[in-house]
Amino acid sequence: MPSNPMGSWPVDTPLNLDAIETETDDDQGAMHVQRTKEEARRHFVQGSIREHLAEQPNPRAVRNCARRYKTLLDHLADDVIAAMKNTEIGQ
């Protein structure tokens, strides 16, 4: 049991900062590019859905269309999860 409460100073065993591996600039750049791609994909999908909802003739139709999108997204997620489970099993 530590002699000091959590968050107090001085700590019982200091963290060895030299032992922590740092990411290289190449790793950080690749991660930034990956995050940017994912953000752009979400932005385009969201924009497409928004445009489709805006084309609906009235608020009730917008709600119905949004419900269909939600249901479709749930089914897509279930399909992806099932595919992942089949891959984990080795099929």
PDB file of N, CA and C in Angstrom:
ATOM      1  N   MET A   1       0.847  -1.180   0.000  1.00  0.00           N
ATOM      2  CA  MET A   1       0.000   0.000   0.000  1.00  0.00           C
ATOM      3  C   MET A   1       0.891   1.240   0.000  1.00  0.00           C
ATOM      4  N   PRO A   2       0.625   2.198  -0.899  1.00  0.00           N
ATOM      5  CA  PRO A   2       1.461   3.394  -0.933  1.00  0.00           C
ATOM      6  C   PRO A   2       1.310   4.200   0.350  1.00  0.00           C
ATOM      7  N   SER A   3       2.419   4.841   0.721  1.00  0.00           N
ATOM      8  CA  SER A   3       2.393   5.634   1.949  1.00  0.00           C
ATOM      9  C   SER A   3       1.684   6.975   1.741  1.00  0.00           C
ATOM     10  N   ASN A   4       1.629   7.439   0.513  1.00  0.00           N
ATOM     11  CA  ASN A   4       0.985   8.716   0.205  1.00  0.00           C
ATOM     12  C   ASN A   4      -0.332   8.457  -0.523  1.00  0.00           C
ATOM     13  N   PRO A   5      -1.337   9.290  -0.277  1.00  0.00           N
ATOM     14  CA  PRO A   5      -2.575   9.139  -1.048  1.00  0.00           C
ATOM     15  C   PRO A   5      -2.335   9.414  -2.527  1.00  0.00           C
ATOM     16  N   MET A   6      -3.206   8.867  -3.353  1.00  0.00           N
ATOM     17  CA  MET A   6      -3.065   9.014  -4.796  1.00  0.00           C
ATOM     18  C   MET A   6      -3.043  10.488  -5.200  1.00  0.00           C
ATOM     19  N   GLY A   7      -2.062  10.847  -6.040  1.00  0.00           N
ATOM     20  CA  GLY A   7      -1.960  12.212  -6.532  1.00  0.00           C
ATOM     21  C   GLY A   7      -1.136  13.130  -5.661  1.00  0.00           C
ATOM     22  N   SER A   8      -0.620  12.613  -4.564  1.00  0.00           N
ATOM     23  CA  SER A   8       0.162  13.478  -3.680  1.00  0.00           C
ATOM     24  C   SER A   8       1.640  13.429  -4.059  1.00  0.00           C
ATOM     25  N   TRP A   9       2.373  14.346  -3.515  1.00  0.00           N
ATOM     26  CA  TRP A   9       3.801  14.457  -3.805  1.00  0.00           C
ATOM     27  C   TRP A   9       4.570  14.255  -2.525  1.00  0.00           C
ATOM     28  N   PRO A  10       5.667  13.611  -2.479  1.00  0.00           N
ATOM     29  CA  PRO A  10       6.379  12.917  -3.552  1.00  0.00           C
ATOM     30  C   PRO A  10       5.790  11.537  -3.797  1.00  0.00           C
ATOM     31  N   VAL A  11       6.009  11.032  -4.976  1.00  0.00           N
ATOM     32  CA  VAL A  11       5.496   9.709  -5.327  1.00  0.00           C
ATOM     33  C   VAL A  11       6.446   8.651  -4.797  1.00  0.00           C
ATOM     34  N   ASP A  12       5.905   7.447  -4.534  1.00  0.00           N
ATOM     35  CA  ASP A  12       6.739   6.359  -4.026  1.00  0.00           C
ATOM     36  C   ASP A  12       7.712   5.857  -5.075  1.00  0.00           C
ATOM     37  N   THR A  13       7.213   5.635  -6.290  1.00  0.00           N
ATOM     38  CA  THR A  13       8.067   5.157  -7.377  1.00  0.00           C
ATOM     39  C   THR A  13       7.875   6.079  -8.571  1.00  0.00           C
ATOM     40  N   PRO A  14       8.854   6.925  -8.860  1.00  0.00           N
ATOM     41  CA  PRO A  14       8.703   7.848  -9.986  1.00  0.00           C
ATOM     42  C   PRO A  14       8.694   7.104 -11.315  1.00  0.00           C
ATOM     43  N   LEU A  15       8.021   7.671 -12.277  1.00  0.00           N
ATOM     44  CA  LEU A  15       7.932   7.101 -13.613  1.00  0.00           C
ATOM     45  C   LEU A  15       9.238   7.346 -14.353  1.00  0.00           C
ATOM     46  N   ASN A  16       9.761   6.310 -14.991  1.00  0.00           N
ATOM     47  CA  ASN A  16      10.987   6.431 -15.758  1.00  0.00           C
ATOM     48  C   ASN A  16      10.636   6.927 -17.158  1.00  0.00           C
ATOM     49  N   LEU A  17      10.780   8.197 -17.389  1.00  0.00           N
ATOM     50  CA  LEU A  17      10.392   8.792 -18.663  1.00  0.00           C
ATOM     51  C   LEU A  17      11.300   8.350 -19.804  1.00  0.00           C
ATOM     52  N   ASP A  18      12.532   7.946 -19.498  1.00  0.00           N
ATOM     53  CA  ASP A  18      13.443   7.479 -20.535  1.00  0.00           C
ATOM     54  C   ASP A  18      13.005   6.136 -21.107  1.00  0.00           C
ATOM     55  N   ALA A  19      12.226   5.376 -20.344  1.00  0.00           N
ATOM     56  CA  ALA A  19      11.809   4.055 -20.786  1.00  0.00           C
ATOM     57  C   ALA A  19      10.603   4.113 -21.725  1.00  0.00           C
ATOM     58  N   ILE A  20       9.932   5.235 -21.775  1.00  0.00           N
ATOM     59  CA  ILE A  20       8.750   5.363 -22.624  1.00  0.00           C
ATOM     60  C   ILE A  20       9.198   5.567 -24.060  1.00  0.00           C
ATOM     61  N   GLU A  21       8.686   4.719 -24.929  1.00  0.00           N
ATOM     62  CA  GLU A  21       9.030   4.848 -26.348  1.00  0.00           C
ATOM     63  C   GLU A  21       8.237   5.997 -26.951  1.00  0.00           C
ATOM     64  N   THR A  22       8.923   6.822 -27.694  1.00  0.00           N
ATOM     65  CA  THR A  22       8.246   7.934 -28.360  1.00  0.00           C
ATOM     66  C   THR A  22       7.980   7.550 -29.810  1.00  0.00           C
ATOM     67  N   GLU A  23       6.929   8.097 -30.334  1.00  0.00           N
ATOM     68  CA  GLU A  23       6.596   7.841 -31.730  1.00  0.00           C
ATOM     69  C   GLU A  23       7.480   8.709 -32.617  1.00  0.00           C
ATOM     70  N   THR A  24       7.860   8.162 -33.740  1.00  0.00           N
ATOM     71  CA  THR A  24       8.657   8.938 -34.681  1.00  0.00           C
ATOM     72  C   THR A  24       7.756   9.906 -35.434  1.00  0.00           C
ATOM     73  N   ASP A  25       8.361  10.858 -36.101  1.00  0.00           N
ATOM     74  CA  ASP A  25       7.588  11.811 -36.896  1.00  0.00           C
ATOM     75  C   ASP A  25       6.829  11.102 -38.002  1.00  0.00           C
ATOM     76  N   ASP A  26       7.416  10.030 -38.561  1.00  0.00           N
ATOM     77  CA  ASP A  26       6.737   9.274 -39.615  1.00  0.00           C
ATOM     78  C   ASP A  26       5.471   8.617 -39.076  1.00  0.00           C
ATOM     79  N   ASP A  27       5.557   8.046 -37.852  1.00  0.00           N
ATOM     80  CA  ASP A  27       4.392   7.420 -37.250  1.00  0.00           C
ATOM     81  C   ASP A  27       3.294   8.444 -36.995  1.00  0.00           C
ATOM     82  N   GLN A  28       3.685   9.599 -36.471  1.00  0.00           N
ATOM     83  CA  GLN A  28       2.699  10.638 -36.194  1.00  0.00           C
ATOM     84  C   GLN A  28       2.072  11.157 -37.481  1.00  0.00           C
ATOM     85  N   GLY A  29       2.885  11.298 -38.526  1.00  0.00           N
ATOM     86  CA  GLY A  29       2.358  11.757 -39.802  1.00  0.00           C
ATOM     87  C   GLY A  29       1.383  10.766 -40.402  1.00  0.00           C
ATOM     88  N   ALA A  30       1.702   9.466 -40.316  1.00  0.00           N
ATOM     89  CA  ALA A  30       0.811   8.432 -40.841  1.00  0.00           C
ATOM     90  C   ALA A  30      -0.495   8.396 -40.052  1.00  0.00           C
ATOM     91  N   MET A  31      -0.390   8.546 -38.727  1.00  0.00           N
ATOM     92  CA  MET A  31      -1.610   8.558 -37.921  1.00  0.00           C
ATOM     93  C   MET A  31      -2.467   9.775 -38.246  1.00  0.00           C
ATOM     94  N   HIS A  32      -1.827  10.921 -38.473  1.00  0.00           N
ATOM     95  CA  HIS A  32      -2.573  12.135 -38.819  1.00  0.00           C
ATOM     96  C   HIS A  32      -3.301  11.956 -40.152  1.00  0.00           C
ATOM     97  N   VAL A  33      -2.614  11.371 -41.128  1.00  0.00           N
ATOM     98  CA  VAL A  33      -3.233  11.132 -42.437  1.00  0.00           C
ATOM     99  C   VAL A  33      -4.421  10.185 -42.283  1.00  0.00           C
ATOM    100  N   GLN A  34      -4.263   9.127 -41.481  1.00  0.00           N
ATOM    101  CA  GLN A  34      -5.348   8.170 -41.276  1.00  0.00           C
ATOM    102  C   GLN A  34      -6.553   8.836 -40.615  1.00  0.00           C
ATOM    103  N   ARG A  35      -6.301   9.646 -39.575  1.00  0.00           N
ATOM    104  CA  ARG A  35      -7.409  10.339 -38.897  1.00  0.00           C
ATOM    105  C   ARG A  35      -8.101  11.314 -39.848  1.00  0.00           C
ATOM    106  N   THR A  36      -7.318  11.990 -40.670  1.00  0.00           N
ATOM    107  CA  THR A  36      -7.889  12.939 -41.622  1.00  0.00           C
ATOM    108  C   THR A  36      -8.763  12.220 -42.643  1.00  0.00           C
ATOM    109  N   LYS A  37      -8.315  11.062 -43.119  1.00  0.00           N
ATOM    110  CA  LYS A  37      -9.121  10.277 -44.070  1.00  0.00           C
ATOM    111  C   LYS A  37     -10.443   9.847 -43.442  1.00  0.00           C
ATOM    112  N   GLU A  38     -10.366   9.347 -42.191  1.00  0.00           N
ATOM    113  CA  GLU A  38     -11.583   8.900 -41.518  1.00  0.00           C
ATOM    114  C   GLU A  38     -12.546  10.051 -41.287  1.00  0.00           C
ATOM    115  N   GLU A  39     -12.012  11.197 -40.902  1.00  0.00           N
ATOM    116  CA  GLU A  39     -12.857  12.370 -40.680  1.00  0.00           C
ATOM    117  C   GLU A  39     -13.501  12.832 -41.982  1.00  0.00           C
ATOM    118  N   ALA A  40     -12.745  12.820 -43.067  1.00  0.00           N
ATOM    119  CA  ALA A  40     -13.285  13.225 -44.364  1.00  0.00           C
ATOM    120  C   ALA A  40     -14.387  12.274 -44.817  1.00  0.00           C
ATOM    121  N   ARG A  41     -14.173  10.973 -44.611  1.00  0.00           N
ATOM    122  CA  ARG A  41     -15.193   9.997 -45.005  1.00  0.00           C
ATOM    123  C   ARG A  41     -16.486  10.231 -44.229  1.00  0.00           C
ATOM    124  N   ARG A  42     -16.363  10.438 -42.902  1.00  0.00           N
ATOM    125  CA  ARG A  42     -17.567  10.700 -42.093  1.00  0.00           C
ATOM    126  C   ARG A  42     -18.247  11.986 -42.552  1.00  0.00           C
ATOM    127  N   HIS A  43     -17.446  13.001 -42.864  1.00  0.00           N
ATOM    128  CA  HIS A  43     -17.999  14.289 -43.301  1.00  0.00           C
ATOM    129  C   HIS A  43     -18.793  14.128 -44.601  1.00  0.00           C
ATOM    130  N   PHE A  44     -18.243  13.394 -45.558  1.00  0.00           N
ATOM    131  CA  PHE A  44     -18.941  13.207 -46.836  1.00  0.00           C
ATOM    132  C   PHE A  44     -20.212  12.376 -46.670  1.00  0.00           C
ATOM    133  N   VAL A  45     -20.143  11.338 -45.857  1.00  0.00           N
ATOM    134  CA  VAL A  45     -21.335  10.507 -45.630  1.00  0.00           C
ATOM    135  C   VAL A  45     -22.408  11.329 -44.941  1.00  0.00           C
ATOM    136  N   GLN A  46     -22.010  12.069 -43.901  1.00  0.00           N
ATOM    137  CA  GLN A  46     -22.975  12.898 -43.185  1.00  0.00           C
ATOM    138  C   GLN A  46     -23.586  13.949 -44.113  1.00  0.00           C
ATOM    139  N   GLY A  47     -22.773  14.547 -44.967  1.00  0.00           N
ATOM    140  CA  GLY A  47     -23.285  15.546 -45.903  1.00  0.00           C
ATOM    141  C   GLY A  47     -24.269  14.949 -46.899  1.00  0.00           C
ATOM    142  N   SER A  48     -23.974  13.736 -47.364  1.00  0.00           N
ATOM    143  CA  SER A  48     -24.877  13.068 -48.301  1.00  0.00           C
ATOM    144  C   SER A  48     -26.218  12.764 -47.651  1.00  0.00           C
ATOM    145  N   ILE A  49     -26.158  12.275 -46.414  1.00  0.00           N
ATOM    146  CA  ILE A  49     -27.408  11.971 -45.698  1.00  0.00           C
ATOM    147  C   ILE A  49     -28.197  13.249 -45.462  1.00  0.00           C
ATOM    148  N   ARG A  50     -27.499  14.309 -45.070  1.00  0.00           N
ATOM    149  CA  ARG A  50     -28.181  15.589 -44.824  1.00  0.00           C
ATOM    150  C   ARG A  50     -28.861  16.098 -46.094  1.00  0.00           C
ATOM    151  N   GLU A  51     -28.179  16.003 -47.228  1.00  0.00           N
ATOM    152  CA  GLU A  51     -28.772  16.441 -48.489  1.00  0.00           C
ATOM    153  C   GLU A  51     -30.008  15.618 -48.827  1.00  0.00           C
ATOM    154  N   HIS A  52     -29.920  14.316 -48.593  1.00  0.00           N
ATOM    155  CA  HIS A  52     -31.074  13.466 -48.886  1.00  0.00           C
ATOM    156  C   HIS A  52     -32.246  13.814 -47.977  1.00  0.00           C
ATOM    157  N   LEU A  53     -31.959  14.077 -46.699  1.00  0.00           N
ATOM    158  CA  LEU A  53     -33.040  14.472 -45.787  1.00  0.00           C
ATOM    159  C   LEU A  53     -33.637  15.815 -46.200  1.00  0.00           C
ATOM    160  N   ALA A  54     -32.806  16.732 -46.672  1.00  0.00           N
ATOM    161  CA  ALA A  54     -33.290  18.048 -47.082  1.00  0.00           C
ATOM    162  C   ALA A  54     -34.185  17.975 -48.318  1.00  0.00           C
ATOM    163  N   GLU A  55     -34.049  16.916 -49.099  1.00  0.00           N
ATOM    164  CA  GLU A  55     -34.878  16.755 -50.295  1.00  0.00           C
ATOM    165  C   GLU A  55     -36.285  16.253 -49.978  1.00  0.00           C
ATOM    166  N   GLN A  56     -36.529  15.846 -48.727  1.00  0.00           N
ATOM    167  CA  GLN A  56     -37.844  15.315 -48.372  1.00  0.00           C
ATOM    168  C   GLN A  56     -38.875  16.433 -48.373  1.00  0.00           C
ATOM    169  N   PRO A  57     -40.122  16.105 -48.722  1.00  0.00           N
ATOM    170  CA  PRO A  57     -41.138  17.148 -48.916  1.00  0.00           C
ATOM    171  C   PRO A  57     -41.661  17.805 -47.639  1.00  0.00           C
ATOM    172  N   ASN A  58     -41.582  17.113 -46.493  1.00  0.00           N
ATOM    173  CA  ASN A  58     -42.116  17.692 -45.262  1.00  0.00           C
ATOM    174  C   ASN A  58     -41.391  17.091 -44.046  1.00  0.00           C
ATOM    175  N   PRO A  59     -41.599  17.693 -42.860  1.00  0.00           N
ATOM    176  CA  PRO A  59     -40.896  17.204 -41.665  1.00  0.00           C
ATOM    177  C   PRO A  59     -41.193  15.739 -41.331  1.00  0.00           C
ATOM    178  N   ARG A  60     -42.406  15.319 -41.580  1.00  0.00           N
ATOM    179  CA  ARG A  60     -42.762  13.925 -41.298  1.00  0.00           C
ATOM    180  C   ARG A  60     -41.964  12.975 -42.195  1.00  0.00           C
ATOM    181  N   ALA A  61     -41.811  13.342 -43.441  1.00  0.00           N
ATOM    182  CA  ALA A  61     -41.024  12.522 -44.361  1.00  0.00           C
ATOM    183  C   ALA A  61     -39.553  12.503 -43.954  1.00  0.00           C
ATOM    184  N   VAL A  62     -39.063  13.627 -43.426  1.00  0.00           N
ATOM    185  CA  VAL A  62     -37.672  13.681 -42.949  1.00  0.00           C
ATOM    186  C   VAL A  62     -37.483  12.697 -41.802  1.00  0.00           C
ATOM    187  N   ARG A  63     -38.414  12.696 -40.854  1.00  0.00           N
ATOM    188  CA  ARG A  63     -38.331  11.767 -39.709  1.00  0.00           C
ATOM    189  C   ARG A  63     -38.395  10.314 -40.179  1.00  0.00           C
ATOM    190  N   ASN A  64     -39.293  10.015 -41.094  1.00  0.00           N
ATOM    191  CA  ASN A  64     -39.402   8.647 -41.601  1.00  0.00           C
ATOM    192  C   ASN A  64     -38.121   8.212 -42.307  1.00  0.00           C
ATOM    193  N   CYS A  65     -37.566   9.097 -43.085  1.00  0.00           N
ATOM    194  CA  CYS A  65     -36.328   8.797 -43.797  1.00  0.00           C
ATOM    195  C   CYS A  65     -35.186   8.579 -42.804  1.00  0.00           C
ATOM    196  N   ALA A  66     -35.125   9.412 -41.771  1.00  0.00           N
ATOM    197  CA  ALA A  66     -34.088   9.262 -40.752  1.00  0.00           C
ATOM    198  C   ALA A  66     -34.233   7.917 -40.030  1.00  0.00           C
ATOM    199  N   ARG A  67     -35.465   7.512 -39.758  1.00  0.00           N
ATOM    200  CA  ARG A  67     -35.689   6.198 -39.126  1.00  0.00           C
ATOM    201  C   ARG A  67     -35.199   5.066 -40.023  1.00  0.00           C
ATOM    202  N   ARG A  68     -35.437   5.197 -41.316  1.00  0.00           N
ATOM    203  CA  ARG A  68     -34.956   4.164 -42.246  1.00  0.00           C
ATOM    204  C   ARG A  68     -33.434   4.109 -42.247  1.00  0.00           C
ATOM    205  N   TYR A  69     -32.803   5.280 -42.200  1.00  0.00           N
ATOM    206  CA  TYR A  69     -31.335   5.305 -42.132  1.00  0.00           C
ATOM    207  C   TYR A  69     -30.841   4.636 -40.850  1.00  0.00           C
ATOM    208  N   LYS A  70     -31.497   4.923 -39.726  1.00  0.00           N
ATOM    209  CA  LYS A  70     -31.090   4.319 -38.451  1.00  0.00           C
ATOM    210  C   LYS A  70     -31.211   2.806 -38.509  1.00  0.00           C
ATOM    211  N   THR A  71     -32.326   2.322 -39.041  1.00  0.00           N
ATOM    212  CA  THR A  71     -32.534   0.885 -39.151  1.00  0.00           C
ATOM    213  C   THR A  71     -31.497   0.257 -40.072  1.00  0.00           C
ATOM    214  N   LEU A  72     -31.246   0.898 -41.203  1.00  0.00           N
ATOM    215  CA  LEU A  72     -30.245   0.395 -42.132  1.00  0.00           C
ATOM    216  C   LEU A  72     -28.864   0.350 -41.478  1.00  0.00           C
ATOM    217  N   LEU A  73     -28.513   1.384 -40.738  1.00  0.00           N
ATOM    218  CA  LEU A  73     -27.223   1.430 -40.068  1.00  0.00           C
ATOM    219  C   LEU A  73     -27.095   0.325 -39.018  1.00  0.00           C
ATOM    220  N   ASP A  74     -28.172   0.069 -38.288  1.00  0.00           N
ATOM    221  CA  ASP A  74     -28.157  -1.029 -37.316  1.00  0.00           C
ATOM    222  C   ASP A  74     -27.934  -2.371 -38.003  1.00  0.00           C
ATOM    223  N   HIS A  75     -28.607  -2.584 -39.127  1.00  0.00           N
ATOM    224  CA  HIS A  75     -28.435  -3.844 -39.867  1.00  0.00           C
ATOM    225  C   HIS A  75     -27.017  -3.967 -40.423  1.00  0.00           C
ATOM    226  N   LEU A  76     -26.471  -2.864 -40.921  1.00  0.00           N
ATOM    227  CA  LEU A  76     -25.093  -2.892 -41.417  1.00  0.00           C
ATOM    228  C   LEU A  76     -24.115  -3.234 -40.294  1.00  0.00           C
ATOM    229  N   ALA A  77     -24.326  -2.638 -39.127  1.00  0.00           N
ATOM    230  CA  ALA A  77     -23.455  -2.921 -37.987  1.00  0.00           C
ATOM    231  C   ALA A  77     -23.551  -4.392 -37.593  1.00  0.00           C
ATOM    232  N   ASP A  78     -24.762  -4.947 -37.581  1.00  0.00           N
ATOM    233  CA  ASP A  78     -24.933  -6.366 -37.262  1.00  0.00           C
ATOM    234  C   ASP A  78     -24.203  -7.249 -38.263  1.00  0.00           C
ATOM    235  N   ASP A  79     -24.272  -6.897 -39.540  1.00  0.00           N
ATOM    236  CA  ASP A  79     -23.582  -7.674 -40.577  1.00  0.00           C
ATOM    237  C   ASP A  79     -22.064  -7.623 -40.392  1.00  0.00           C
ATOM    238  N   VAL A  80     -21.549  -6.440 -40.077  1.00  0.00           N
ATOM    239  CA  VAL A  80     -20.099  -6.295 -39.880  1.00  0.00           C
ATOM    240  C   VAL A  80     -19.657  -7.079 -38.650  1.00  0.00           C
ATOM    241  N   ILE A  81     -20.418  -7.007 -37.581  1.00  0.00           N
ATOM    242  CA  ILE A  81     -20.083  -7.753 -36.365  1.00  0.00           C
ATOM    243  C   ILE A  81     -20.095  -9.251 -36.632  1.00  0.00           C
ATOM    244  N   ALA A  82     -21.098  -9.720 -37.357  1.00  0.00           N
ATOM    245  CA  ALA A  82     -21.164 -11.146 -37.681  1.00  0.00           C
ATOM    246  C   ALA A  82     -19.964 -11.561 -38.527  1.00  0.00           C
ATOM    247  N   ALA A  83     -19.570 -10.726 -39.470  1.00  0.00           N
ATOM    248  CA  ALA A  83     -18.407 -11.033 -40.299  1.00  0.00           C
ATOM    249  C   ALA A  83     -17.131 -11.065 -39.463  1.00  0.00           C
ATOM    250  N   MET A  84     -17.024 -10.158 -38.501  1.00  0.00           N
ATOM    251  CA  MET A  84     -15.847 -10.150 -37.627  1.00  0.00           C
ATOM    252  C   MET A  84     -15.786 -11.419 -36.777  1.00  0.00           C
ATOM    253  N   LYS A  85     -16.934 -11.837 -36.274  1.00  0.00           N
ATOM    254  CA  LYS A  85     -16.968 -13.050 -35.446  1.00  0.00           C
ATOM    255  C   LYS A  85     -16.600 -14.274 -36.272  1.00  0.00           C
ATOM    256  N   ASN A  86     -17.068 -14.321 -37.522  1.00  0.00           N
ATOM    257  CA  ASN A  86     -16.716 -15.450 -38.385  1.00  0.00           C
ATOM    258  C   ASN A  86     -15.228 -15.465 -38.695  1.00  0.00           C
ATOM    259  N   THR A  87     -14.637 -14.305 -38.838  1.00  0.00           N
ATOM    260  CA  THR A  87     -13.206 -14.205 -39.107  1.00  0.00           C
ATOM    261  C   THR A  87     -12.394 -14.641 -37.884  1.00  0.00           C
ATOM    262  N   GLU A  88     -12.856 -14.265 -36.691  1.00  0.00           N
ATOM    263  CA  GLU A  88     -12.161 -14.646 -35.471  1.00  0.00           C
ATOM    264  C   GLU A  88     -12.166 -16.148 -35.265  1.00  0.00           C
ATOM    265  N   ILE A  89     -13.257 -16.792 -35.658  1.00  0.00           N
ATOM    266  CA  ILE A  89     -13.364 -18.243 -35.496  1.00  0.00           C
ATOM    267  C   ILE A  89     -12.451 -18.947 -36.493  1.00  0.00           C
ATOM    268  N   GLY A  90     -12.196 -18.317 -37.594  1.00  0.00           N
ATOM    269  CA  GLY A  90     -11.306 -18.896 -38.587  1.00  0.00           C
ATOM    270  C   GLY A  90     -12.041 -19.481 -39.786  1.00  0.00           C
ATOM    271  N   GLN A  91     -13.233 -19.021 -40.016  1.00  0.00           N
ATOM    272  CA  GLN A  91     -14.002 -19.534 -41.152  1.00  0.00           C
ATOM    273  C   GLN A  91     -13.677 -18.760 -42.386  1.00  0.00           C
TER     274      GLN A  91
END
